């Protein structure tokens, strides 16, 4: 989906490109929770994710003029900035033997990325989320908005890990189907 001209995020990003602090504040308030989820999904550590999110917002401030609405939604562009920063952080930390980087297996059970789910169609996403059964909806919300791992969601909800993974997988498939209809 392309960034619609009447999308408030497109306007906030354009204002940020012009150096408008109020537009940047609006952009931050509207996207920080989702982008924190992206950083947490990659880094798996809140402290590192917070650092990366701060670095990413500095980069977004500096590079806002490079965003092209015809190429995609603002949240997708911003999520990629965060994701690349997080991956760079993992690479830097991998050079230090005491730190552990995420493996591909950590991401194997995630069929859709947060930037795909939250690609500027927040109202559509919320409408489709509301159609899901309560448990899958809660599990997806905890993963996407709070950045919790499947293990953390399992502990918080008091349900087996396999059940939580199934809820998230089936819920995301249903969510994707709803968004495509």
C-alpha atoms as a PDB file:
ATOM      1  CA  UNK A   1       0.000   0.000   0.000  1.00  0.00           C
ATOM      2  CA  UNK A   2       1.319   3.419  -0.885  1.00  0.00           C
ATOM      3  CA  UNK A   3       1.351   6.371   1.482  1.00  0.00           C
ATOM      4  CA  UNK A   4      -1.914   8.209   0.876  1.00  0.00           C
ATOM      5  CA  UNK A   5      -1.549  12.017   0.704  1.00  0.00           C
ATOM      6  CA  UNK A   6      -4.243  12.436   3.382  1.00  0.00           C
ATOM      7  CA  UNK A   7      -2.481   9.995   5.735  1.00  0.00           C
ATOM      8  CA  UNK A   8      -1.494  11.962   8.865  1.00  0.00           C
ATOM      9  CA  UNK A   9       1.830  10.098   8.966  1.00  0.00           C
ATOM     10  CA  UNK A  10       2.683  11.266   5.437  1.00  0.00           C
ATOM     11  CA  UNK A  11       2.029  14.851   6.507  1.00  0.00           C
ATOM     12  CA  UNK A  12       3.957  14.423   9.769  1.00  0.00           C
ATOM     13  CA  UNK A  13       6.915  12.977   7.871  1.00  0.00           C
ATOM     14  CA  UNK A  14       6.780  15.847   5.359  1.00  0.00           C
ATOM     15  CA  UNK A  15       6.699  18.332   8.242  1.00  0.00           C
ATOM     16  CA  UNK A  16       9.649  16.557   9.834  1.00  0.00           C
ATOM     17  CA  UNK A  17      11.541  16.893   6.546  1.00  0.00           C
ATOM     18  CA  UNK A  18      10.898  20.661   6.763  1.00  0.00           C
ATOM     19  CA  UNK A  19      12.360  20.685  10.278  1.00  0.00           C
ATOM     20  CA  UNK A  20       9.040  21.127  12.108  1.00  0.00           C
ATOM     21  CA  UNK A  21       9.463  19.890  15.671  1.00  0.00           C
ATOM     22  CA  UNK A  22       5.697  19.598  16.234  1.00  0.00           C
ATOM     23  CA  UNK A  23       5.386  17.309  13.209  1.00  0.00           C
ATOM     24  CA  UNK A  24       8.255  15.192  14.510  1.00  0.00           C
ATOM     25  CA  UNK A  25       6.594  14.969  17.941  1.00  0.00           C
ATOM     26  CA  UNK A  26       3.363  13.841  16.269  1.00  0.00           C
ATOM     27  CA  UNK A  27       5.276  11.265  14.245  1.00  0.00           C
ATOM     28  CA  UNK A  28       7.011   9.975  17.371  1.00  0.00           C
ATOM     29  CA  UNK A  29       3.803   9.663  19.410  1.00  0.00           C
ATOM     30  CA  UNK A  30       2.012   7.866  16.575  1.00  0.00           C
ATOM     31  CA  UNK A  31       4.761   5.378  15.713  1.00  0.00           C
ATOM     32  CA  UNK A  32       7.093   4.829  18.685  1.00  0.00           C
ATOM     33  CA  UNK A  33       5.173   1.865  20.187  1.00  0.00           C
ATOM     34  CA  UNK A  34       5.048   0.010  16.872  1.00  0.00           C
ATOM     35  CA  UNK A  35       8.676   0.789  16.063  1.00  0.00           C
ATOM     36  CA  UNK A  36       9.727  -0.306  19.552  1.00  0.00           C
ATOM     37  CA  UNK A  37       8.063  -3.635  18.761  1.00  0.00           C
ATOM     38  CA  UNK A  38      10.139  -3.914  15.585  1.00  0.00           C
ATOM     39  CA  UNK A  39      13.360  -3.220  17.511  1.00  0.00           C
ATOM     40  CA  UNK A  40      12.440  -5.652  20.289  1.00  0.00           C
ATOM     41  CA  UNK A  41      11.612  -8.386  17.797  1.00  0.00           C
ATOM     42  CA  UNK A  42      15.116  -8.149  16.329  1.00  0.00           C
ATOM     43  CA  UNK A  43      17.146  -7.420  19.465  1.00  0.00           C
ATOM     44  CA  UNK A  44      15.187  -9.265  22.187  1.00  0.00           C
ATOM     45  CA  UNK A  45      16.509  -6.836  24.821  1.00  0.00           C
ATOM     46  CA  UNK A  46      14.591  -3.755  25.923  1.00  0.00           C
ATOM     47  CA  UNK A  47      17.700  -1.681  26.700  1.00  0.00           C
ATOM     48  CA  UNK A  48      19.206  -2.322  23.273  1.00  0.00           C
ATOM     49  CA  UNK A  49      15.842  -1.741  21.568  1.00  0.00           C
ATOM     50  CA  UNK A  50      15.444   1.618  23.333  1.00  0.00           C
ATOM     51  CA  UNK A  51      18.917   2.684  22.173  1.00  0.00           C
ATOM     52  CA  UNK A  52      18.204   1.613  18.598  1.00  0.00           C
ATOM     53  CA  UNK A  53      14.827   3.358  18.622  1.00  0.00           C
ATOM     54  CA  UNK A  54      16.493   6.599  19.699  1.00  0.00           C
ATOM     55  CA  UNK A  55      19.147   6.242  16.980  1.00  0.00           C
ATOM     56  CA  UNK A  56      16.448   5.461  14.423  1.00  0.00           C
ATOM     57  CA  UNK A  57      14.408   8.556  15.284  1.00  0.00           C
ATOM     58  CA  UNK A  58      17.529  10.704  14.900  1.00  0.00           C
ATOM     59  CA  UNK A  59      18.028   9.109  11.470  1.00  0.00           C
ATOM     60  CA  UNK A  60      14.344   9.644  10.614  1.00  0.00           C
ATOM     61  CA  UNK A  61      14.692  13.328  11.555  1.00  0.00           C
ATOM     62  CA  UNK A  62      17.797  13.617   9.368  1.00  0.00           C
ATOM     63  CA  UNK A  63      16.462  11.597   6.408  1.00  0.00           C
ATOM     64  CA  UNK A  64      12.726  12.389   6.435  1.00  0.00           C
ATOM     65  CA  UNK A  65      13.110  14.166   3.097  1.00  0.00           C
ATOM     66  CA  UNK A  66      14.157  10.875   1.497  1.00  0.00           C
ATOM     67  CA  UNK A  67      10.759   9.255   2.164  1.00  0.00           C
ATOM     68  CA  UNK A  68       8.760   8.763  -1.054  1.00  0.00           C
ATOM     69  CA  UNK A  69       4.995   8.203  -0.497  1.00  0.00           C
ATOM     70  CA  UNK A  70       4.637   6.432  -3.842  1.00  0.00           C
ATOM     71  CA  UNK A  71       7.011   3.694  -2.657  1.00  0.00           C
ATOM     72  CA  UNK A  72       5.077   2.703   0.463  1.00  0.00           C
ATOM     73  CA  UNK A  73       3.484   3.694   3.739  1.00  0.00           C
ATOM     74  CA  UNK A  74       5.420   5.887   6.186  1.00  0.00           C
ATOM     75  CA  UNK A  75       5.336   3.270   8.929  1.00  0.00           C
ATOM     76  CA  UNK A  76       6.885   0.693   6.594  1.00  0.00           C
ATOM     77  CA  UNK A  77       9.712   3.092   5.688  1.00  0.00           C
ATOM     78  CA  UNK A  78      10.288   3.962   9.340  1.00  0.00           C
ATOM     79  CA  UNK A  79      10.162   0.297  10.373  1.00  0.00           C
ATOM     80  CA  UNK A  80      12.897  -0.466   7.857  1.00  0.00           C
ATOM     81  CA  UNK A  81      15.054   2.312   9.343  1.00  0.00           C
ATOM     82  CA  UNK A  82      14.590   0.725  12.782  1.00  0.00           C
ATOM     83  CA  UNK A  83      15.159  -2.790  11.473  1.00  0.00           C
ATOM     84  CA  UNK A  84      18.393  -1.859   9.703  1.00  0.00           C
ATOM     85  CA  UNK A  85      19.659  -0.065  12.820  1.00  0.00           C
ATOM     86  CA  UNK A  86      18.786  -3.104  14.945  1.00  0.00           C
ATOM     87  CA  UNK A  87      20.538  -5.490  12.557  1.00  0.00           C
ATOM     88  CA  UNK A  88      23.604  -3.222  12.553  1.00  0.00           C
ATOM     89  CA  UNK A  89      23.558  -3.354  16.349  1.00  0.00           C
ATOM     90  CA  UNK A  90      23.424  -7.161  16.287  1.00  0.00           C
ATOM     91  CA  UNK A  91      26.371  -7.250  13.908  1.00  0.00           C
ATOM     92  CA  UNK A  92      28.396  -4.955  16.157  1.00  0.00           C
ATOM     93  CA  UNK A  93      27.537  -7.062  19.203  1.00  0.00           C
ATOM     94  CA  UNK A  94      28.333 -10.310  17.367  1.00  0.00           C
ATOM     95  CA  UNK A  95      31.926  -9.144  17.140  1.00  0.00           C
ATOM     96  CA  UNK A  96      32.057  -9.311  20.940  1.00  0.00           C
ATOM     97  CA  UNK A  97      32.038 -12.954  22.088  1.00  0.00           C
ATOM     98  CA  UNK A  98      30.189 -12.218  25.350  1.00  0.00           C
ATOM     99  CA  UNK A  99      27.115 -11.029  23.444  1.00  0.00           C
ATOM    100  CA  UNK A 100      24.732 -13.373  21.676  1.00  0.00           C
ATOM    101  CA  UNK A 101      23.106 -12.373  18.409  1.00  0.00           C
ATOM    102  CA  UNK A 102      19.692 -13.641  17.304  1.00  0.00           C
ATOM    103  CA  UNK A 103      19.690 -16.653  15.026  1.00  0.00           C
ATOM    104  CA  UNK A 104      17.476 -17.284  12.010  1.00  0.00           C
ATOM    105  CA  UNK A 105      15.594 -19.866  14.093  1.00  0.00           C
ATOM    106  CA  UNK A 106      14.388 -17.057  16.359  1.00  0.00           C
ATOM    107  CA  UNK A 107      12.406 -15.643  13.446  1.00  0.00           C
ATOM    108  CA  UNK A 108      11.323 -18.839  11.686  1.00  0.00           C
ATOM    109  CA  UNK A 109       7.867 -18.935  13.269  1.00  0.00           C
ATOM    110  CA  UNK A 110       6.896 -15.356  12.392  1.00  0.00           C
ATOM    111  CA  UNK A 111       4.986 -15.411   9.087  1.00  0.00           C
ATOM    112  CA  UNK A 112       4.417 -11.653   8.779  1.00  0.00           C
ATOM    113  CA  UNK A 113       6.624  -8.790   9.901  1.00  0.00           C
ATOM    114  CA  UNK A 114       5.278  -5.878  11.990  1.00  0.00           C
ATOM    115  CA  UNK A 115       6.019  -3.471   9.168  1.00  0.00           C
ATOM    116  CA  UNK A 116       3.737  -5.507   6.904  1.00  0.00           C
ATOM    117  CA  UNK A 117       0.936  -5.654   9.437  1.00  0.00           C
ATOM    118  CA  UNK A 118       1.162  -1.995  10.406  1.00  0.00           C
ATOM    119  CA  UNK A 119       1.799  -0.500   6.965  1.00  0.00           C
ATOM    120  CA  UNK A 120      -0.204   2.670   7.432  1.00  0.00           C
ATOM    121  CA  UNK A 121      -3.622   1.022   7.521  1.00  0.00           C
ATOM    122  CA  UNK A 122      -4.060   1.190  11.284  1.00  0.00           C
ATOM    123  CA  UNK A 123      -7.862   1.485  11.115  1.00  0.00           C
ATOM    124  CA  UNK A 124      -8.076  -1.581   8.869  1.00  0.00           C
ATOM    125  CA  UNK A 125      -5.707  -3.490  11.134  1.00  0.00           C
ATOM    126  CA  UNK A 126      -7.731  -2.596  14.226  1.00  0.00           C
ATOM    127  CA  UNK A 127     -10.999  -3.567  12.493  1.00  0.00           C
ATOM    128  CA  UNK A 128      -9.531  -6.927  11.500  1.00  0.00           C
ATOM    129  CA  UNK A 129      -7.957  -7.485  14.923  1.00  0.00           C
ATOM    130  CA  UNK A 130     -11.357  -6.969  16.549  1.00  0.00           C
ATOM    131  CA  UNK A 131     -12.717  -9.858  14.460  1.00  0.00           C
ATOM    132  CA  UNK A 132     -10.175 -12.313  15.883  1.00  0.00           C
ATOM    133  CA  UNK A 133     -10.993 -14.443  18.934  1.00  0.00           C
ATOM    134  CA  UNK A 134      -9.829 -12.867  22.212  1.00  0.00           C
ATOM    135  CA  UNK A 135      -6.780 -15.070  22.894  1.00  0.00           C
ATOM    136  CA  UNK A 136      -5.149 -14.796  19.438  1.00  0.00           C
ATOM    137  CA  UNK A 137      -5.922 -11.062  19.391  1.00  0.00           C
ATOM    138  CA  UNK A 138      -4.247 -10.588  22.787  1.00  0.00           C
ATOM    139  CA  UNK A 139      -1.229 -12.673  21.788  1.00  0.00           C
ATOM    140  CA  UNK A 140      -0.750 -10.714  18.551  1.00  0.00           C
ATOM    141  CA  UNK A 141      -1.158  -7.420  20.397  1.00  0.00           C
ATOM    142  CA  UNK A 142       1.480  -8.396  22.964  1.00  0.00           C
ATOM    143  CA  UNK A 143       3.892  -9.445  20.210  1.00  0.00           C
ATOM    144  CA  UNK A 144       3.394  -6.525  17.841  1.00  0.00           C
ATOM    145  CA  UNK A 145       2.747  -3.578  20.130  1.00  0.00           C
ATOM    146  CA  UNK A 146       4.662  -4.563  23.258  1.00  0.00           C
ATOM    147  CA  UNK A 147       7.406  -6.497  21.492  1.00  0.00           C
ATOM    148  CA  UNK A 148       7.143  -9.536  23.739  1.00  0.00           C
ATOM    149  CA  UNK A 149       8.651 -12.836  22.656  1.00  0.00           C
ATOM    150  CA  UNK A 150       6.490 -15.929  22.330  1.00  0.00           C
ATOM    151  CA  UNK A 151       7.952 -17.192  25.607  1.00  0.00           C
ATOM    152  CA  UNK A 152       7.066 -13.938  27.397  1.00  0.00           C
ATOM    153  CA  UNK A 153       3.531 -14.028  25.982  1.00  0.00           C
ATOM    154  CA  UNK A 154       3.176 -17.645  27.130  1.00  0.00           C
ATOM    155  CA  UNK A 155       4.244 -16.678  30.651  1.00  0.00           C
ATOM    156  CA  UNK A 156       2.034 -13.581  30.765  1.00  0.00           C
ATOM    157  CA  UNK A 157      -1.051 -15.399  29.470  1.00  0.00           C
ATOM    158  CA  UNK A 158      -0.360 -18.573  31.462  1.00  0.00           C
ATOM    159  CA  UNK A 159      -0.710 -20.760  28.376  1.00  0.00           C
ATOM    160  CA  UNK A 160       1.644 -23.325  26.779  1.00  0.00           C
ATOM    161  CA  UNK A 161       4.228 -21.952  24.357  1.00  0.00           C
ATOM    162  CA  UNK A 162       2.943 -24.098  21.474  1.00  0.00           C
ATOM    163  CA  UNK A 163      -0.579 -22.768  21.986  1.00  0.00           C
ATOM    164  CA  UNK A 164       0.645 -19.175  21.915  1.00  0.00           C
ATOM    165  CA  UNK A 165       2.657 -19.804  18.740  1.00  0.00           C
ATOM    166  CA  UNK A 166      -0.389 -21.391  17.094  1.00  0.00           C
ATOM    167  CA  UNK A 167      -2.626 -18.479  18.112  1.00  0.00           C
ATOM    168  CA  UNK A 168      -0.185 -15.966  16.689  1.00  0.00           C
ATOM    169  CA  UNK A 169       0.396 -17.871  13.466  1.00  0.00           C
ATOM    170  CA  UNK A 170      -3.290 -18.545  12.777  1.00  0.00           C
ATOM    171  CA  UNK A 171      -4.245 -15.054  13.936  1.00  0.00           C
ATOM    172  CA  UNK A 172      -1.736 -13.408  11.595  1.00  0.00           C
ATOM    173  CA  UNK A 173      -2.931 -15.556   8.706  1.00  0.00           C
ATOM    174  CA  UNK A 174      -6.535 -14.527   9.460  1.00  0.00           C
ATOM    175  CA  UNK A 175      -5.452 -10.905   9.880  1.00  0.00           C
ATOM    176  CA  UNK A 176      -3.642 -10.952   6.550  1.00  0.00           C
ATOM    177  CA  UNK A 177      -6.694 -12.494   4.853  1.00  0.00           C
ATOM    178  CA  UNK A 178      -8.966  -9.842   6.340  1.00  0.00           C
ATOM    179  CA  UNK A 179      -6.641  -7.030   5.233  1.00  0.00           C
ATOM    180  CA  UNK A 180      -6.457  -8.420   1.694  1.00  0.00           C
ATOM    181  CA  UNK A 181     -10.249  -8.717   1.352  1.00  0.00           C
END
